[in-house]
């Protein structure tokens, strides 16, 4: 099934070079990939999939700008972070900055993972968002394909949310770690008092 996909807003051009426009960020998550991970939710996705966990992430308007250098420093300041996961929103619309972030974190020994509404084939095509190949080259794991409500799996043991999505493990060292606490929900309280709820059926909330 195809989902709605239009060109992203011109707001992408308002993001300064070396910066990301993010919806949220947490450290030490155990429900967004193998091990204990930082999770970065980027802002902006044009698909508007029915049943999306994070409809607040659809807008491409500026939400929170953070430099790649600052975000890398924040993630590396938490020794329990063994990896980073990019989610959203659609990470590949900000592939240039995320590829830079991934390189810095991989150099420090972290592994990298991303969710994407694009399929791997689409990301490898000429019509992919700018620098998609650069971000793909830095990923150890990619969960690809749009969420399709009618194909929802609704299982706490599944690594994907709908049956059309794929799990691509590019780093063979992680092949035996493709089990994580997807049947749990985490609530992270941020410094400003807002909260992020993430995990199985948790979605993402800034309320």
C-alpha atoms as a PDB file:
ATOM      1  CA  UNK A   1       0.000   0.000   0.000  1.00  0.00           C
ATOM      2  CA  UNK A   2       1.155   3.499  -0.749  1.00  0.00           C
ATOM      3  CA  UNK A   3       0.807   6.253   1.816  1.00  0.00           C
ATOM      4  CA  UNK A   4       0.550   9.967   1.229  1.00  0.00           C
ATOM      5  CA  UNK A   5       3.926  11.450   0.346  1.00  0.00           C
ATOM      6  CA  UNK A   6       4.361  15.046  -0.710  1.00  0.00           C
ATOM      7  CA  UNK A   7       7.459  17.203  -0.882  1.00  0.00           C
ATOM      8  CA  UNK A   8       8.489  18.452   2.559  1.00  0.00           C
ATOM      9  CA  UNK A   9       7.953  22.035   3.547  1.00  0.00           C
ATOM     10  CA  UNK A  10      10.376  24.760   2.646  1.00  0.00           C
ATOM     11  CA  UNK A  11      10.964  24.916   6.407  1.00  0.00           C
ATOM     12  CA  UNK A  12      13.776  22.409   5.840  1.00  0.00           C
ATOM     13  CA  UNK A  13      15.767  25.217   4.270  1.00  0.00           C
ATOM     14  CA  UNK A  14      15.410  27.172   7.523  1.00  0.00           C
ATOM     15  CA  UNK A  15      17.516  24.657   9.438  1.00  0.00           C
ATOM     16  CA  UNK A  16      21.085  26.012   9.706  1.00  0.00           C
ATOM     17  CA  UNK A  17      23.907  23.835   8.426  1.00  0.00           C
ATOM     18  CA  UNK A  18      25.175  21.564  11.192  1.00  0.00           C
ATOM     19  CA  UNK A  19      21.857  21.631  13.048  1.00  0.00           C
ATOM     20  CA  UNK A  20      18.878  19.310  13.459  1.00  0.00           C
ATOM     21  CA  UNK A  21      15.237  20.255  13.942  1.00  0.00           C
ATOM     22  CA  UNK A  22      14.061  17.714  16.498  1.00  0.00           C
ATOM     23  CA  UNK A  23      10.820  16.831  18.217  1.00  0.00           C
ATOM     24  CA  UNK A  24      12.475  15.232  21.214  1.00  0.00           C
ATOM     25  CA  UNK A  25      15.510  13.444  22.578  1.00  0.00           C
ATOM     26  CA  UNK A  26      16.076  11.007  25.444  1.00  0.00           C
ATOM     27  CA  UNK A  27      18.982   9.002  26.832  1.00  0.00           C
ATOM     28  CA  UNK A  28      19.146   5.452  28.135  1.00  0.00           C
ATOM     29  CA  UNK A  29      16.073   4.029  26.396  1.00  0.00           C
ATOM     30  CA  UNK A  30      15.653   0.257  26.332  1.00  0.00           C
ATOM     31  CA  UNK A  31      12.624   0.011  24.013  1.00  0.00           C
ATOM     32  CA  UNK A  32      13.974   1.557  20.795  1.00  0.00           C
ATOM     33  CA  UNK A  33      16.631  -0.909  19.712  1.00  0.00           C
ATOM     34  CA  UNK A  34      19.219  -3.265  21.180  1.00  0.00           C
ATOM     35  CA  UNK A  35      20.892  -2.347  24.435  1.00  0.00           C
ATOM     36  CA  UNK A  36      20.588   1.044  26.110  1.00  0.00           C
ATOM     37  CA  UNK A  37      20.260   3.873  23.601  1.00  0.00           C
ATOM     38  CA  UNK A  38      19.835   7.550  23.023  1.00  0.00           C
ATOM     39  CA  UNK A  39      16.791   8.264  20.844  1.00  0.00           C
ATOM     40  CA  UNK A  40      16.441  11.308  18.598  1.00  0.00           C
ATOM     41  CA  UNK A  41      13.008  12.093  17.141  1.00  0.00           C
ATOM     42  CA  UNK A  42      13.352  14.472  14.210  1.00  0.00           C
ATOM     43  CA  UNK A  43      10.643  16.965  13.320  1.00  0.00           C
ATOM     44  CA  UNK A  44       8.824  16.647  10.006  1.00  0.00           C
ATOM     45  CA  UNK A  45       7.123  13.905   7.991  1.00  0.00           C
ATOM     46  CA  UNK A  46       4.798  14.395   5.006  1.00  0.00           C
ATOM     47  CA  UNK A  47       3.210  10.926   5.028  1.00  0.00           C
ATOM     48  CA  UNK A  48       0.503  11.496   7.654  1.00  0.00           C
ATOM     49  CA  UNK A  49      -0.032   7.735   8.032  1.00  0.00           C
ATOM     50  CA  UNK A  50      -3.310   6.671   9.640  1.00  0.00           C
ATOM     51  CA  UNK A  51      -2.590   5.378  13.126  1.00  0.00           C
ATOM     52  CA  UNK A  52       0.795   7.115  13.346  1.00  0.00           C
ATOM     53  CA  UNK A  53       2.235   7.001  16.872  1.00  0.00           C
ATOM     54  CA  UNK A  54       3.631  10.539  16.581  1.00  0.00           C
ATOM     55  CA  UNK A  55       1.312  12.882  14.637  1.00  0.00           C
ATOM     56  CA  UNK A  56       2.935  15.811  16.445  1.00  0.00           C
ATOM     57  CA  UNK A  57       6.020  15.074  14.356  1.00  0.00           C
ATOM     58  CA  UNK A  58       4.330  15.697  10.982  1.00  0.00           C
ATOM     59  CA  UNK A  59       4.889  19.452  10.791  1.00  0.00           C
ATOM     60  CA  UNK A  60       8.158  20.642   9.258  1.00  0.00           C
ATOM     61  CA  UNK A  61       7.986  23.881  11.235  1.00  0.00           C
ATOM     62  CA  UNK A  62      10.938  24.658  13.474  1.00  0.00           C
ATOM     63  CA  UNK A  63      10.438  22.989  16.839  1.00  0.00           C
ATOM     64  CA  UNK A  64      13.785  22.588  18.598  1.00  0.00           C
ATOM     65  CA  UNK A  65      17.068  23.368  16.864  1.00  0.00           C
ATOM     66  CA  UNK A  66      20.162  21.668  18.234  1.00  0.00           C
ATOM     67  CA  UNK A  67      23.626  21.487  16.755  1.00  0.00           C
ATOM     68  CA  UNK A  68      25.095  18.140  15.762  1.00  0.00           C
ATOM     69  CA  UNK A  69      28.119  18.842  17.964  1.00  0.00           C
ATOM     70  CA  UNK A  70      25.994  19.599  21.027  1.00  0.00           C
ATOM     71  CA  UNK A  71      23.798  16.558  20.524  1.00  0.00           C
ATOM     72  CA  UNK A  72      26.844  14.317  20.113  1.00  0.00           C
ATOM     73  CA  UNK A  73      28.349  15.701  23.315  1.00  0.00           C
ATOM     74  CA  UNK A  74      25.080  15.148  25.187  1.00  0.00           C
ATOM     75  CA  UNK A  75      24.759  11.551  24.005  1.00  0.00           C
ATOM     76  CA  UNK A  76      28.392  10.718  24.769  1.00  0.00           C
ATOM     77  CA  UNK A  77      28.121  12.258  28.243  1.00  0.00           C
ATOM     78  CA  UNK A  78      25.864   9.362  29.250  1.00  0.00           C
ATOM     79  CA  UNK A  79      28.111   6.283  29.551  1.00  0.00           C
ATOM     80  CA  UNK A  80      25.113   3.936  29.575  1.00  0.00           C
ATOM     81  CA  UNK A  81      24.279   4.881  25.967  1.00  0.00           C
ATOM     82  CA  UNK A  82      25.620   2.053  23.806  1.00  0.00           C
ATOM     83  CA  UNK A  83      23.859   3.197  20.651  1.00  0.00           C
ATOM     84  CA  UNK A  84      21.582   5.806  19.094  1.00  0.00           C
ATOM     85  CA  UNK A  85      18.249   5.446  17.303  1.00  0.00           C
ATOM     86  CA  UNK A  86      16.842   7.989  14.855  1.00  0.00           C
ATOM     87  CA  UNK A  87      13.065   8.194  14.649  1.00  0.00           C
ATOM     88  CA  UNK A  88      10.494  10.832  13.960  1.00  0.00           C
ATOM     89  CA  UNK A  89       9.190  12.269  11.903  1.00  0.00           C
ATOM     90  CA  UNK A  90      11.173  11.034   8.935  1.00  0.00           C
ATOM     91  CA  UNK A  91      14.906  10.909   9.687  1.00  0.00           C
ATOM     92  CA  UNK A  92      15.990  10.805   6.047  1.00  0.00           C
ATOM     93  CA  UNK A  93      14.657  14.302   5.335  1.00  0.00           C
ATOM     94  CA  UNK A  94      17.484  15.444   7.644  1.00  0.00           C
ATOM     95  CA  UNK A  95      19.981  12.859   6.414  1.00  0.00           C
ATOM     96  CA  UNK A  96      22.918  15.252   6.038  1.00  0.00           C
ATOM     97  CA  UNK A  97      23.021  16.258   9.697  1.00  0.00           C
ATOM     98  CA  UNK A  98      22.136  12.785  10.965  1.00  0.00           C
ATOM     99  CA  UNK A  99      24.945  11.223   8.921  1.00  0.00           C
ATOM    100  CA  UNK A 100      27.360  13.683  10.543  1.00  0.00           C
ATOM    101  CA  UNK A 101      25.994  12.842  14.000  1.00  0.00           C
ATOM    102  CA  UNK A 102      26.202   9.115  13.299  1.00  0.00           C
ATOM    103  CA  UNK A 103      29.850   9.390  12.226  1.00  0.00           C
ATOM    104  CA  UNK A 104      30.783  11.158  15.462  1.00  0.00           C
ATOM    105  CA  UNK A 105      28.985   8.587  17.601  1.00  0.00           C
ATOM    106  CA  UNK A 106      30.312   5.567  15.718  1.00  0.00           C
ATOM    107  CA  UNK A 107      33.845   6.929  16.114  1.00  0.00           C
ATOM    108  CA  UNK A 108      33.220   6.820  19.862  1.00  0.00           C
ATOM    109  CA  UNK A 109      32.049   3.196  19.711  1.00  0.00           C
ATOM    110  CA  UNK A 110      28.258   3.538  19.594  1.00  0.00           C
ATOM    111  CA  UNK A 111      26.078   1.653  17.119  1.00  0.00           C
ATOM    112  CA  UNK A 112      23.452   3.380  14.995  1.00  0.00           C
ATOM    113  CA  UNK A 113      19.888   2.561  14.026  1.00  0.00           C
ATOM    114  CA  UNK A 114      17.099   4.379  12.204  1.00  0.00           C
ATOM    115  CA  UNK A 115      13.436   4.007  11.468  1.00  0.00           C
ATOM    116  CA  UNK A 116      12.198   5.245   8.088  1.00  0.00           C
ATOM    117  CA  UNK A 117       8.898   5.427   6.234  1.00  0.00           C
ATOM    118  CA  UNK A 118      10.875   4.932   3.037  1.00  0.00           C
ATOM    119  CA  UNK A 119      11.776   1.442   1.901  1.00  0.00           C
ATOM    120  CA  UNK A 120      15.436   0.585   1.554  1.00  0.00           C
ATOM    121  CA  UNK A 121      14.967   0.422  -2.231  1.00  0.00           C
ATOM    122  CA  UNK A 122      13.554   3.955  -2.245  1.00  0.00           C
ATOM    123  CA  UNK A 123      16.438   5.210  -0.130  1.00  0.00           C
ATOM    124  CA  UNK A 124      18.892   3.707  -2.600  1.00  0.00           C
ATOM    125  CA  UNK A 125      17.183   5.312  -5.596  1.00  0.00           C
ATOM    126  CA  UNK A 126      17.940   8.612  -7.318  1.00  0.00           C
ATOM    127  CA  UNK A 127      14.699  10.083  -5.963  1.00  0.00           C
ATOM    128  CA  UNK A 128      15.721   9.592  -2.322  1.00  0.00           C
ATOM    129  CA  UNK A 129      16.100  12.642  -0.050  1.00  0.00           C
ATOM    130  CA  UNK A 130      19.489  14.390  -0.245  1.00  0.00           C
ATOM    131  CA  UNK A 131      22.386  12.504   1.367  1.00  0.00           C
ATOM    132  CA  UNK A 132      20.297   9.392   2.035  1.00  0.00           C
ATOM    133  CA  UNK A 133      23.240   7.275   0.865  1.00  0.00           C
ATOM    134  CA  UNK A 134      25.531   9.000   3.367  1.00  0.00           C
ATOM    135  CA  UNK A 135      23.181   8.210   6.255  1.00  0.00           C
ATOM    136  CA  UNK A 136      22.633   4.633   5.081  1.00  0.00           C
ATOM    137  CA  UNK A 137      26.400   4.134   5.033  1.00  0.00           C
ATOM    138  CA  UNK A 138      26.564   4.985   8.753  1.00  0.00           C
ATOM    139  CA  UNK A 139      23.689   2.749   9.905  1.00  0.00           C
ATOM    140  CA  UNK A 140      24.026  -0.614  11.591  1.00  0.00           C
ATOM    141  CA  UNK A 141      20.258  -1.268  11.554  1.00  0.00           C
ATOM    142  CA  UNK A 142      17.392   0.131   9.462  1.00  0.00           C
ATOM    143  CA  UNK A 143      13.690  -0.497  10.086  1.00  0.00           C
ATOM    144  CA  UNK A 144      12.128   0.491   6.762  1.00  0.00           C
ATOM    145  CA  UNK A 145       8.689   1.023   5.291  1.00  0.00           C
ATOM    146  CA  UNK A 146       5.678   3.154   6.273  1.00  0.00           C
ATOM    147  CA  UNK A 147       3.340   2.178   9.073  1.00  0.00           C
ATOM    148  CA  UNK A 148       0.145   0.779   7.522  1.00  0.00           C
ATOM    149  CA  UNK A 149      -2.728   0.677   9.992  1.00  0.00           C
ATOM    150  CA  UNK A 150      -4.521  -2.185   8.227  1.00  0.00           C
ATOM    151  CA  UNK A 151      -1.345  -4.296   8.454  1.00  0.00           C
ATOM    152  CA  UNK A 152      -0.633  -3.512  12.115  1.00  0.00           C
ATOM    153  CA  UNK A 153       0.861  -6.459  13.993  1.00  0.00           C
ATOM    154  CA  UNK A 154      -0.099  -5.387  17.522  1.00  0.00           C
ATOM    155  CA  UNK A 155       2.339  -7.798  19.111  1.00  0.00           C
ATOM    156  CA  UNK A 156       4.701  -6.783  21.930  1.00  0.00           C
ATOM    157  CA  UNK A 157       7.339  -9.194  20.610  1.00  0.00           C
ATOM    158  CA  UNK A 158       7.474  -7.800  17.067  1.00  0.00           C
ATOM    159  CA  UNK A 159      10.369  -5.591  15.987  1.00  0.00           C
ATOM    160  CA  UNK A 160       8.105  -3.831  13.471  1.00  0.00           C
ATOM    161  CA  UNK A 161       4.714  -2.173  13.835  1.00  0.00           C
ATOM    162  CA  UNK A 162       3.098  -3.373  10.584  1.00  0.00           C
ATOM    163  CA  UNK A 163       3.804  -6.454   8.499  1.00  0.00           C
ATOM    164  CA  UNK A 164       5.006  -4.529   5.440  1.00  0.00           C
ATOM    165  CA  UNK A 165       7.997  -3.121   7.343  1.00  0.00           C
ATOM    166  CA  UNK A 166      11.437  -4.703   7.148  1.00  0.00           C
ATOM    167  CA  UNK A 167      14.355  -5.193   9.520  1.00  0.00           C
ATOM    168  CA  UNK A 168      17.705  -4.614   7.807  1.00  0.00           C
ATOM    169  CA  UNK A 169      20.785  -5.518   9.839  1.00  0.00           C
ATOM    170  CA  UNK A 170      23.892  -4.138   8.125  1.00  0.00           C
ATOM    171  CA  UNK A 171      26.259  -4.927  11.011  1.00  0.00           C
ATOM    172  CA  UNK A 172      26.529  -8.706  11.541  1.00  0.00           C
ATOM    173  CA  UNK A 173      27.809  -8.122  15.079  1.00  0.00           C
ATOM    174  CA  UNK A 174      24.261  -7.045  16.023  1.00  0.00           C
ATOM    175  CA  UNK A 175      22.440  -9.927  14.317  1.00  0.00           C
ATOM    176  CA  UNK A 176      21.969 -11.804  17.593  1.00  0.00           C
ATOM    177  CA  UNK A 177      20.757  -8.691  19.451  1.00  0.00           C
ATOM    178  CA  UNK A 178      17.507  -8.181  17.559  1.00  0.00           C
ATOM    179  CA  UNK A 179      15.412  -8.663  20.669  1.00  0.00           C
ATOM    180  CA  UNK A 180      14.649  -5.766  22.944  1.00  0.00           C
ATOM    181  CA  UNK A 181      12.007  -4.724  25.431  1.00  0.00           C
ATOM    182  CA  UNK A 182       9.421  -3.734  22.849  1.00  0.00           C
ATOM    183  CA  UNK A 183       6.679  -4.917  25.223  1.00  0.00           C
ATOM    184  CA  UNK A 184       7.478  -2.156  27.695  1.00  0.00           C
ATOM    185  CA  UNK A 185       6.582   1.512  27.868  1.00  0.00           C
ATOM    186  CA  UNK A 186       9.020   4.144  29.115  1.00  0.00           C
ATOM    187  CA  UNK A 187       8.147   7.567  30.465  1.00  0.00           C
ATOM    188  CA  UNK A 188      10.963  10.136  30.432  1.00  0.00           C
ATOM    189  CA  UNK A 189      10.485  13.372  32.392  1.00  0.00           C
ATOM    190  CA  UNK A 190      12.460  16.191  30.805  1.00  0.00           C
ATOM    191  CA  UNK A 191      14.082  19.131  32.574  1.00  0.00           C
ATOM    192  CA  UNK A 192      11.335  21.512  31.444  1.00  0.00           C
ATOM    193  CA  UNK A 193       8.687  19.286  33.020  1.00  0.00           C
ATOM    194  CA  UNK A 194       7.373  17.830  29.771  1.00  0.00           C
ATOM    195  CA  UNK A 195       7.360  14.096  29.257  1.00  0.00           C
ATOM    196  CA  UNK A 196       8.132  11.670  26.469  1.00  0.00           C
ATOM    197  CA  UNK A 197       6.300   8.358  26.421  1.00  0.00           C
ATOM    198  CA  UNK A 198       7.878   5.751  24.152  1.00  0.00           C
ATOM    199  CA  UNK A 199       7.762   2.019  23.539  1.00  0.00           C
ATOM    200  CA  UNK A 200       5.169  -0.546  22.524  1.00  0.00           C
ATOM    201  CA  UNK A 201       1.865   1.298  21.954  1.00  0.00           C
ATOM    202  CA  UNK A 202       3.445   4.209  23.771  1.00  0.00           C
ATOM    203  CA  UNK A 203       3.834   6.673  20.954  1.00  0.00           C
ATOM    204  CA  UNK A 204       5.568   9.950  21.692  1.00  0.00           C
ATOM    205  CA  UNK A 205       4.023  12.717  23.726  1.00  0.00           C
ATOM    206  CA  UNK A 206       5.344  16.113  24.762  1.00  0.00           C
ATOM    207  CA  UNK A 207       2.349  16.941  26.943  1.00  0.00           C
END
